[in-house]
Amino acid sequence: MFDAKIRPLIDPSLNWLGKAMARAGISANMLTFGGLAIGLGGAAAIALGHVWLGLALIVANRLADGLDGAIARANGPTTLGGYFDIVADFAFYVSVPLGFGVMTPENTLPALVLVASFVLTGVSFLAFAVIAAERGDASDAHGKKSFFYSTGLAEGAETIAVFIAMCVFPAWFAVLAYVYAALCVITVFQRSALAMAQFKD
């Protein structure tokens, strides 16, 4: 929901850093895989009970995710890079609730519910992107991307905000997980309604 509004605020700084890193020979894929390793490390830290370390690594992962896109814009985006980026994003997103689920047995069910809602949201997101590409639809609301990004109630910025809240208030994980899972399901219905309106034959 807020991703498109935040991009104009953060993109100038990210683009400047991305160009500098591209000149230094750092590729977007290097940052994608490095960021994924950092993010999975954050989930592992949470699983072991080191929630504040997990939070720091989550923030570092998101910085790397922003910079890989900036480097890609500097060097020219590639289809393979876009594929790696979305796979890495979803791997990171599901790892964090799994980390909380491993950390405390009481978190297992809400973690599974949240992961299931991420799967549904991801399927709706990717299905929309595939059909939009077949139709030749385009949007730059989220910046220049390798494929169509459809807007929804629960997007990247909201997910990270929830992850941060979970790390700051780990005792509230279950409540936050159930509430955000509900928002993800609403997003699926919202995106489905958009598909019904946009994909009329």
Foldseek 3Di string as FASTA:
>chain_A
DCLLVCCVVPVVVLLVVLLVVVVVVDALVNLLVVLLVLLLVLLQCLLVVNLVSSLVSLVVSVSSLSNSVSNCVNVPPDLVSLVSSVVSVLSSLLSNLVSLCNNDVVSVVLSVLLNVLSVLLVVLQVVVFVVCVVVVHADCSNHDGSTHGDDFPDDDVNSSVLSNVCSVPVVCNSVSSVVVSVRSVVRSVVSVVVCVVPVDD
